[in-house]
């Protein structure tokens, strides 16, 4: 069984030309993240939650210091304001 890590929604961005929505979930310390892309249509059928357990091997390191700080701040705010399974 793969180890999972609690992550928090830190970014939701909308692509202009490809009709894509990108969700970024990051660890509370802002050190690691995972990106997921969905079409607008697919996202209507998917529950977007404040938190998500992600297999540790799917997480990537955040290398930019400013991004790391932003993710740390956003993940902290999300964790303090929402339950992980709460729709946002």
PDB file of N, CA and C in Angstrom:
ATOM      1  N   UNK A   1       0.838  -1.187   0.000  1.00  0.00           N
ATOM      2  CA  UNK A   1       0.000   0.000   0.000  1.00  0.00           C
ATOM      3  C   UNK A   1       0.882   1.250   0.000  1.00  0.00           C
ATOM      4  N   UNK A   2       0.569   2.176  -0.874  1.00  0.00           N
ATOM      5  CA  UNK A   2       1.360   3.390  -1.012  1.00  0.00           C
ATOM      6  C   UNK A   2       1.019   4.394   0.083  1.00  0.00           C
ATOM      7  N   UNK A   3       2.037   5.035   0.611  1.00  0.00           N
ATOM      8  CA  UNK A   3       1.840   6.078   1.619  1.00  0.00           C
ATOM      9  C   UNK A   3       1.154   7.279   0.961  1.00  0.00           C
ATOM     10  N   UNK A   4       0.190   7.870   1.680  1.00  0.00           N
ATOM     11  CA  UNK A   4      -0.462   9.073   1.164  1.00  0.00           C
ATOM     12  C   UNK A   4      -0.112  10.261   2.046  1.00  0.00           C
ATOM     13  N   UNK A   5      -0.222  11.441   1.461  1.00  0.00           N
ATOM     14  CA  UNK A   5       0.110  12.689   2.137  1.00  0.00           C
ATOM     15  C   UNK A   5      -1.086  13.626   1.995  1.00  0.00           C
ATOM     16  N   UNK A   6      -1.464  14.290   3.094  1.00  0.00           N
ATOM     17  CA  UNK A   6      -2.556  15.257   3.046  1.00  0.00           C
ATOM     18  C   UNK A   6      -2.094  16.507   2.306  1.00  0.00           C
ATOM     19  N   UNK A   7      -2.873  16.912   1.316  1.00  0.00           N
ATOM     20  CA  UNK A   7      -2.595  18.139   0.573  1.00  0.00           C
ATOM     21  C   UNK A   7      -3.833  19.020   0.607  1.00  0.00           C
ATOM     22  N   UNK A   8      -3.634  20.283   0.260  1.00  0.00           N
ATOM     23  CA  UNK A   8      -4.701  21.273   0.312  1.00  0.00           C
ATOM     24  C   UNK A   8      -4.752  22.041  -0.999  1.00  0.00           C
ATOM     25  N   UNK A   9      -5.967  22.394  -1.438  1.00  0.00           N
ATOM     26  CA  UNK A   9      -6.145  23.148  -2.666  1.00  0.00           C
ATOM     27  C   UNK A   9      -5.544  24.540  -2.500  1.00  0.00           C
ATOM     28  N   UNK A  10      -4.583  24.863  -3.348  1.00  0.00           N
ATOM     29  CA  UNK A  10      -3.907  26.160  -3.247  1.00  0.00           C
ATOM     30  C   UNK A  10      -4.064  27.002  -4.508  1.00  0.00           C
ATOM     31  N   UNK A  11      -4.540  26.381  -5.581  1.00  0.00           N
ATOM     32  CA  UNK A  11      -4.663  27.133  -6.830  1.00  0.00           C
ATOM     33  C   UNK A  11      -5.688  26.450  -7.737  1.00  0.00           C
ATOM     34  N   UNK A  12      -6.498  27.287  -8.364  1.00  0.00           N
ATOM     35  CA  UNK A  12      -7.446  26.827  -9.381  1.00  0.00           C
ATOM     36  C   UNK A  12      -7.319  27.822 -10.515  1.00  0.00           C
ATOM     37  N   UNK A  13      -6.859  27.365 -11.666  1.00  0.00           N
ATOM     38  CA  UNK A  13      -6.681  28.274 -12.796  1.00  0.00           C
ATOM     39  C   UNK A  13      -7.411  27.726 -14.018  1.00  0.00           C
ATOM     40  N   UNK A  14      -7.818  28.646 -14.858  1.00  0.00           N
ATOM     41  CA  UNK A  14      -8.617  28.308 -16.029  1.00  0.00           C
ATOM     42  C   UNK A  14      -7.817  28.596 -17.286  1.00  0.00           C
ATOM     43  N   UNK A  15      -7.651  27.573 -18.131  1.00  0.00           N
ATOM     44  CA  UNK A  15      -6.971  27.754 -19.407  1.00  0.00           C
ATOM     45  C   UNK A  15      -7.884  28.477 -20.383  1.00  0.00           C
ATOM     46  N   UNK A  16      -7.320  29.323 -21.211  1.00  0.00           N
ATOM     47  CA  UNK A  16      -8.131  30.108 -22.131  1.00  0.00           C
ATOM     48  C   UNK A  16      -8.399  29.379 -23.439  1.00  0.00           C
ATOM     49  N   UNK A  17      -7.403  28.731 -23.981  1.00  0.00           N
ATOM     50  CA  UNK A  17      -7.579  28.148 -25.310  1.00  0.00           C
ATOM     51  C   UNK A  17      -7.986  26.681 -25.279  1.00  0.00           C
ATOM     52  N   UNK A  18      -7.731  25.976 -24.215  1.00  0.00           N
ATOM     53  CA  UNK A  18      -7.961  24.532 -24.220  1.00  0.00           C
ATOM     54  C   UNK A  18      -9.137  24.089 -23.367  1.00  0.00           C
ATOM     55  N   UNK A  19      -9.892  25.039 -22.798  1.00  0.00           N
ATOM     56  CA  UNK A  19     -11.044  24.692 -21.976  1.00  0.00           C
ATOM     57  C   UNK A  19     -10.649  23.796 -20.800  1.00  0.00           C
ATOM     58  N   UNK A  20      -9.471  24.059 -20.223  1.00  0.00           N
ATOM     59  CA  UNK A  20      -8.974  23.247 -19.123  1.00  0.00           C
ATOM     60  C   UNK A  20      -8.977  24.028 -17.806  1.00  0.00           C
ATOM     61  N   UNK A  21      -9.218  23.273 -16.732  1.00  0.00           N
ATOM     62  CA  UNK A  21      -9.099  23.811 -15.383  1.00  0.00           C
ATOM     63  C   UNK A  21      -7.957  23.057 -14.723  1.00  0.00           C
ATOM     64  N   UNK A  22      -7.019  23.788 -14.135  1.00  0.00           N
ATOM     65  CA  UNK A  22      -5.907  23.178 -13.426  1.00  0.00           C
ATOM     66  C   UNK A  22      -6.101  23.385 -11.940  1.00  0.00           C
ATOM     67  N   UNK A  23      -6.056  22.277 -11.190  1.00  0.00           N
ATOM     68  CA  UNK A  23      -6.122  22.332  -9.736  1.00  0.00           C
ATOM     69  C   UNK A  23      -4.741  21.977  -9.200  1.00  0.00           C
ATOM     70  N   UNK A  24      -4.272  22.756  -8.234  1.00  0.00           N
ATOM     71  CA  UNK A  24      -2.991  22.471  -7.593  1.00  0.00           C
ATOM     72  C   UNK A  24      -3.269  22.226  -6.112  1.00  0.00           C
ATOM     73  N   UNK A  25      -2.838  21.075  -5.636  1.00  0.00           N
ATOM     74  CA  UNK A  25      -2.903  20.729  -4.219  1.00  0.00           C
ATOM     75  C   UNK A  25      -1.466  20.683  -3.702  1.00  0.00           C
ATOM     76  N   UNK A  26      -1.248  21.286  -2.524  1.00  0.00           N
ATOM     77  CA  UNK A  26       0.104  21.335  -1.959  1.00  0.00           C
ATOM     78  C   UNK A  26       0.080  20.876  -0.501  1.00  0.00           C
ATOM     79  N   UNK A  27       1.231  20.440  -0.055  1.00  0.00           N
ATOM     80  CA  UNK A  27       1.367  20.087   1.352  1.00  0.00           C
ATOM     81  C   UNK A  27       1.306  21.358   2.197  1.00  0.00           C
ATOM     82  N   UNK A  28       0.985  21.208   3.443  1.00  0.00           N
ATOM     83  CA  UNK A  28       0.799  22.375   4.319  1.00  0.00           C
ATOM     84  C   UNK A  28       2.079  23.210   4.427  1.00  0.00           C
ATOM     85  N   UNK A  29       3.237  22.577   4.316  1.00  0.00           N
ATOM     86  CA  UNK A  29       4.502  23.329   4.401  1.00  0.00           C
ATOM     87  C   UNK A  29       4.896  23.973   3.071  1.00  0.00           C
ATOM     88  N   UNK A  30       4.124  23.733   2.012  1.00  0.00           N
ATOM     89  CA  UNK A  30       4.394  24.330   0.711  1.00  0.00           C
ATOM     90  C   UNK A  30       5.546  23.702  -0.046  1.00  0.00           C
ATOM     91  N   UNK A  31       6.112  22.637   0.483  1.00  0.00           N
ATOM     92  CA  UNK A  31       7.304  22.022  -0.109  1.00  0.00           C
ATOM     93  C   UNK A  31       7.012  21.143  -1.328  1.00  0.00           C
ATOM     94  N   UNK A  32       5.819  20.525  -1.375  1.00  0.00           N
ATOM     95  CA  UNK A  32       5.494  19.602  -2.461  1.00  0.00           C
ATOM     96  C   UNK A  32       4.078  19.870  -2.966  1.00  0.00           C
ATOM     97  N   UNK A  33       3.850  19.521  -4.233  1.00  0.00           N
ATOM     98  CA  UNK A  33       2.540  19.764  -4.833  1.00  0.00           C
ATOM     99  C   UNK A  33       2.227  18.723  -5.904  1.00  0.00           C
ATOM    100  N   UNK A  34       0.951  18.711  -6.306  1.00  0.00           N
ATOM    101  CA  UNK A  34       0.507  17.897  -7.421  1.00  0.00           C
ATOM    102  C   UNK A  34      -0.468  18.749  -8.222  1.00  0.00           C
ATOM    103  N   UNK A  35      -0.370  18.663  -9.546  1.00  0.00           N
ATOM    104  CA  UNK A  35      -1.282  19.382 -10.442  1.00  0.00           C
ATOM    105  C   UNK A  35      -2.187  18.367 -11.120  1.00  0.00           C
ATOM    106  N   UNK A  36      -3.451  18.756 -11.247  1.00  0.00           N
ATOM    107  CA  UNK A  36      -4.417  17.930 -11.948  1.00  0.00           C
ATOM    108  C   UNK A  36      -5.154  18.816 -12.931  1.00  0.00           C
ATOM    109  N   UNK A  37      -5.337  18.334 -14.161  1.00  0.00           N
ATOM    110  CA  UNK A  37      -6.059  19.106 -15.163  1.00  0.00           C
ATOM    111  C   UNK A  37      -7.324  18.363 -15.563  1.00  0.00           C
ATOM    112  N   UNK A  38      -8.397  19.144 -15.713  1.00  0.00           N
ATOM    113  CA  UNK A  38      -9.694  18.608 -16.096  1.00  0.00           C
ATOM    114  C   UNK A  38     -10.318  19.530 -17.130  1.00  0.00           C
ATOM    115  N   UNK A  39     -11.118  18.964 -18.021  1.00  0.00           N
ATOM    116  CA  UNK A  39     -11.913  19.811 -18.899  1.00  0.00           C
ATOM    117  C   UNK A  39     -13.037  20.406 -18.054  1.00  0.00           C
ATOM    118  N   UNK A  40     -13.571  21.539 -18.486  1.00  0.00           N
ATOM    119  CA  UNK A  40     -14.684  22.147 -17.751  1.00  0.00           C
ATOM    120  C   UNK A  40     -15.824  21.138 -17.606  1.00  0.00           C
ATOM    121  N   UNK A  41     -16.098  20.407 -18.658  1.00  0.00           N
ATOM    122  CA  UNK A  41     -17.187  19.431 -18.636  1.00  0.00           C
ATOM    123  C   UNK A  41     -16.922  18.327 -17.618  1.00  0.00           C
ATOM    124  N   UNK A  42     -15.708  17.819 -17.585  1.00  0.00           N
ATOM    125  CA  UNK A  42     -15.359  16.754 -16.650  1.00  0.00           C
ATOM    126  C   UNK A  42     -15.434  17.243 -15.197  1.00  0.00           C
ATOM    127  N   UNK A  43     -15.071  18.489 -14.987  1.00  0.00           N
ATOM    128  CA  UNK A  43     -15.060  19.042 -13.638  1.00  0.00           C
ATOM    129  C   UNK A  43     -16.466  19.161 -13.058  1.00  0.00           C
ATOM    130  N   UNK A  44     -17.475  19.324 -13.925  1.00  0.00           N
ATOM    131  CA  UNK A  44     -18.861  19.384 -13.435  1.00  0.00           C
ATOM    132  C   UNK A  44     -19.259  18.097 -12.725  1.00  0.00           C
ATOM    133  N   UNK A  45     -18.669  16.984 -13.124  1.00  0.00           N
ATOM    134  CA  UNK A  45     -18.998  15.688 -12.535  1.00  0.00           C
ATOM    135  C   UNK A  45     -18.045  15.286 -11.417  1.00  0.00           C
ATOM    136  N   UNK A  46     -17.134  16.167 -11.057  1.00  0.00           N
ATOM    137  CA  UNK A  46     -16.112  15.849 -10.061  1.00  0.00           C
ATOM    138  C   UNK A  46     -16.259  16.777  -8.866  1.00  0.00           C
ATOM    139  N   UNK A  47     -16.123  16.213  -7.695  1.00  0.00           N
ATOM    140  CA  UNK A  47     -16.169  16.998  -6.473  1.00  0.00           C
ATOM    141  C   UNK A  47     -14.781  17.589  -6.205  1.00  0.00           C
ATOM    142  N   UNK A  48     -14.709  18.908  -6.120  1.00  0.00           N
ATOM    143  CA  UNK A  48     -13.445  19.572  -5.784  1.00  0.00           C
ATOM    144  C   UNK A  48     -13.485  19.853  -4.291  1.00  0.00           C
ATOM    145  N   UNK A  49     -12.573  19.225  -3.570  1.00  0.00           N
ATOM    146  CA  UNK A  49     -12.555  19.347  -2.115  1.00  0.00           C
ATOM    147  C   UNK A  49     -11.382  20.195  -1.646  1.00  0.00           C
ATOM    148  N   UNK A  50     -11.495  20.686  -0.424  1.00  0.00           N
ATOM    149  CA  UNK A  50     -10.445  21.528   0.156  1.00  0.00           C
ATOM    150  C   UNK A  50      -9.140  20.762   0.304  1.00  0.00           C
ATOM    151  N   UNK A  51      -9.245  19.507   0.661  1.00  0.00           N
ATOM    152  CA  UNK A  51      -8.057  18.686   0.852  1.00  0.00           C
ATOM    153  C   UNK A  51      -8.157  17.401   0.073  1.00  0.00           C
ATOM    154  N   UNK A  52      -7.027  16.774  -0.107  1.00  0.00           N
ATOM    155  CA  UNK A  52      -6.985  15.515  -0.830  1.00  0.00           C
ATOM    156  C   UNK A  52      -5.772  14.724  -0.363  1.00  0.00           C
ATOM    157  N   UNK A  53      -5.986  13.437  -0.110  1.00  0.00           N
ATOM    158  CA  UNK A  53      -4.864  12.543   0.173  1.00  0.00           C
ATOM    159  C   UNK A  53      -4.264  12.117  -1.153  1.00  0.00           C
ATOM    160  N   UNK A  54      -2.967  12.330  -1.307  1.00  0.00           N
ATOM    161  CA  UNK A  54      -2.270  12.057  -2.561  1.00  0.00           C
ATOM    162  C   UNK A  54      -1.144  11.059  -2.293  1.00  0.00           C
ATOM    163  N   UNK A  55      -0.995  10.047  -3.142  1.00  0.00           N
ATOM    164  CA  UNK A  55       0.144   9.143  -2.978  1.00  0.00           C
ATOM    165  C   UNK A  55       1.456   9.941  -2.983  1.00  0.00           C
ATOM    166  N   UNK A  56       2.310   9.653  -2.026  1.00  0.00           N
ATOM    167  CA  UNK A  56       3.558  10.412  -1.863  1.00  0.00           C
ATOM    168  C   UNK A  56       4.392  10.442  -3.132  1.00  0.00           C
ATOM    169  N   UNK A  57       4.366   9.359  -3.906  1.00  0.00           N
ATOM    170  CA  UNK A  57       5.193   9.315  -5.112  1.00  0.00           C
ATOM    171  C   UNK A  57       4.636  10.165  -6.260  1.00  0.00           C
ATOM    172  N   UNK A  58       3.436  10.720  -6.113  1.00  0.00           N
ATOM    173  CA  UNK A  58       2.875  11.614  -7.138  1.00  0.00           C
ATOM    174  C   UNK A  58       3.219  13.078  -6.871  1.00  0.00           C
ATOM    175  N   UNK A  59       3.724  13.386  -5.694  1.00  0.00           N
ATOM    176  CA  UNK A  59       4.039  14.768  -5.339  1.00  0.00           C
ATOM    177  C   UNK A  59       5.370  15.193  -5.943  1.00  0.00           C
ATOM    178  N   UNK A  60       5.398  16.445  -6.405  1.00  0.00           N
ATOM    179  CA  UNK A  60       6.626  17.023  -6.954  1.00  0.00           C
ATOM    180  C   UNK A  60       7.113  18.124  -6.034  1.00  0.00           C
ATOM    181  N   UNK A  61       8.412  18.350  -6.012  1.00  0.00           N
ATOM    182  CA  UNK A  61       8.995  19.410  -5.188  1.00  0.00           C
ATOM    183  C   UNK A  61       8.644  20.780  -5.777  1.00  0.00           C
ATOM    184  N   UNK A  62       8.397  21.727  -4.892  1.00  0.00           N
ATOM    185  CA  UNK A  62       8.209  23.124  -5.300  1.00  0.00           C
ATOM    186  C   UNK A  62       9.581  23.775  -5.189  1.00  0.00           C
ATOM    187  N   UNK A  63      10.111  24.259  -6.301  1.00  0.00           N
ATOM    188  CA  UNK A  63      11.482  24.768  -6.299  1.00  0.00           C
ATOM    189  C   UNK A  63      11.577  26.280  -6.163  1.00  0.00           C
ATOM    190  N   UNK A  64      10.548  27.005  -6.580  1.00  0.00           N
ATOM    191  CA  UNK A  64      10.568  28.462  -6.514  1.00  0.00           C
ATOM    192  C   UNK A  64      10.197  28.923  -5.096  1.00  0.00           C
ATOM    193  N   UNK A  65      11.028  29.740  -4.491  1.00  0.00           N
ATOM    194  CA  UNK A  65      10.818  30.182  -3.105  1.00  0.00           C
ATOM    195  C   UNK A  65       9.516  30.967  -2.935  1.00  0.00           C
ATOM    196  N   UNK A  66       9.192  31.840  -3.880  1.00  0.00           N
ATOM    197  CA  UNK A  66       7.950  32.623  -3.779  1.00  0.00           C
ATOM    198  C   UNK A  66       6.720  31.717  -3.894  1.00  0.00           C
ATOM    199  N   UNK A  67       6.776  30.768  -4.797  1.00  0.00           N
ATOM    200  CA  UNK A  67       5.666  29.825  -4.959  1.00  0.00           C
ATOM    201  C   UNK A  67       5.519  28.974  -3.710  1.00  0.00           C
ATOM    202  N   UNK A  68       6.640  28.539  -3.164  1.00  0.00           N
ATOM    203  CA  UNK A  68       6.626  27.734  -1.949  1.00  0.00           C
ATOM    204  C   UNK A  68       5.954  28.496  -0.806  1.00  0.00           C
ATOM    205  N   UNK A  69       6.279  29.756  -0.642  1.00  0.00           N
ATOM    206  CA  UNK A  69       5.680  30.576   0.411  1.00  0.00           C
ATOM    207  C   UNK A  69       4.187  30.788   0.159  1.00  0.00           C
ATOM    208  N   UNK A  70       3.825  31.029  -1.090  1.00  0.00           N
ATOM    209  CA  UNK A  70       2.404  31.221  -1.437  1.00  0.00           C
ATOM    210  C   UNK A  70       1.619  29.942  -1.165  1.00  0.00           C
ATOM    211  N   UNK A  71       2.165  28.793  -1.557  1.00  0.00           N
ATOM    212  CA  UNK A  71       1.491  27.522  -1.307  1.00  0.00           C
ATOM    213  C   UNK A  71       1.370  27.259   0.195  1.00  0.00           C
ATOM    214  N   UNK A  72       2.407  27.571   0.947  1.00  0.00           N
ATOM    215  CA  UNK A  72       2.370  27.381   2.408  1.00  0.00           C
ATOM    216  C   UNK A  72       1.238  28.219   3.014  1.00  0.00           C
ATOM    217  N   UNK A  73       1.143  29.472   2.580  1.00  0.00           N
ATOM    218  CA  UNK A  73       0.108  30.373   3.091  1.00  0.00           C
ATOM    219  C   UNK A  73      -1.281  29.882   2.698  1.00  0.00           C
ATOM    220  N   UNK A  74      -1.460  29.566   1.420  1.00  0.00           N
ATOM    221  CA  UNK A  74      -2.773  29.116   0.929  1.00  0.00           C
ATOM    222  C   UNK A  74      -3.195  27.799   1.577  1.00  0.00           C
ATOM    223  N   UNK A  75      -2.276  26.845   1.687  1.00  0.00           N
ATOM    224  CA  UNK A  75      -2.603  25.548   2.294  1.00  0.00           C
ATOM    225  C   UNK A  75      -2.976  25.733   3.763  1.00  0.00           C
ATOM    226  N   UNK A  76      -2.252  26.594   4.467  1.00  0.00           N
ATOM    227  CA  UNK A  76      -2.561  26.865   5.870  1.00  0.00           C
ATOM    228  C   UNK A  76      -3.943  27.467   6.035  1.00  0.00           C
ATOM    229  N   UNK A  77      -4.278  28.427   5.196  1.00  0.00           N
ATOM    230  CA  UNK A  77      -5.599  29.055   5.264  1.00  0.00           C
ATOM    231  C   UNK A  77      -6.696  28.049   4.947  1.00  0.00           C
ATOM    232  N   UNK A  78      -6.476  27.220   3.948  1.00  0.00           N
ATOM    233  CA  UNK A  78      -7.479  26.229   3.570  1.00  0.00           C
ATOM    234  C   UNK A  78      -7.663  25.215   4.702  1.00  0.00           C
ATOM    235  N   UNK A  79      -6.566  24.770   5.301  1.00  0.00           N
ATOM    236  CA  UNK A  79      -6.637  23.786   6.385  1.00  0.00           C
ATOM    237  C   UNK A  79      -7.349  24.353   7.618  1.00  0.00           C
ATOM    238  N   UNK A  80      -7.162  25.630   7.880  1.00  0.00           N
ATOM    239  CA  UNK A  80      -7.790  26.255   9.050  1.00  0.00           C
ATOM    240  C   UNK A  80      -9.266  26.555   8.814  1.00  0.00           C
ATOM    241  N   UNK A  81      -9.670  26.721   7.553  1.00  0.00           N
ATOM    242  CA  UNK A  81     -11.042  27.151   7.233  1.00  0.00           C
ATOM    243  C   UNK A  81     -11.966  26.004   6.801  1.00  0.00           C
ATOM    244  N   UNK A  82     -11.390  24.874   6.401  1.00  0.00           N
ATOM    245  CA  UNK A  82     -12.213  23.804   5.807  1.00  0.00           C
ATOM    246  C   UNK A  82     -11.783  22.440   6.298  1.00  0.00           C
ATOM    247  N   UNK A  83     -12.743  21.522   6.300  1.00  0.00           N
ATOM    248  CA  UNK A  83     -12.427  20.112   6.473  1.00  0.00           C
ATOM    249  C   UNK A  83     -11.892  19.610   5.141  1.00  0.00           C
ATOM    250  N   UNK A  84     -11.021  18.611   5.162  1.00  0.00           N
ATOM    251  CA  UNK A  84     -10.435  18.128   3.904  1.00  0.00           C
ATOM    252  C   UNK A  84     -11.478  17.695   2.866  1.00  0.00           C
ATOM    253  N   UNK A  85     -12.577  17.093   3.310  1.00  0.00           N
ATOM    254  CA  UNK A  85     -13.564  16.588   2.350  1.00  0.00           C
ATOM    255  C   UNK A  85     -14.666  17.598   2.013  1.00  0.00           C
ATOM    256  N   UNK A  86     -14.525  18.831   2.458  1.00  0.00           N
ATOM    257  CA  UNK A  86     -15.497  19.881   2.177  1.00  0.00           C
ATOM    258  C   UNK A  86     -15.343  20.369   0.744  1.00  0.00           C
ATOM    259  N   UNK A  87     -16.459  20.474   0.029  1.00  0.00           N
ATOM    260  CA  UNK A  87     -16.412  20.995  -1.350  1.00  0.00           C
ATOM    261  C   UNK A  87     -16.111  22.473  -1.351  1.00  0.00           C
ATOM    262  N   UNK A  88     -15.245  22.876  -2.254  1.00  0.00           N
ATOM    263  CA  UNK A  88     -14.895  24.302  -2.390  1.00  0.00           C
ATOM    264  C   UNK A  88     -14.956  24.733  -3.847  1.00  0.00           C
TER     265      UNK A  88
END
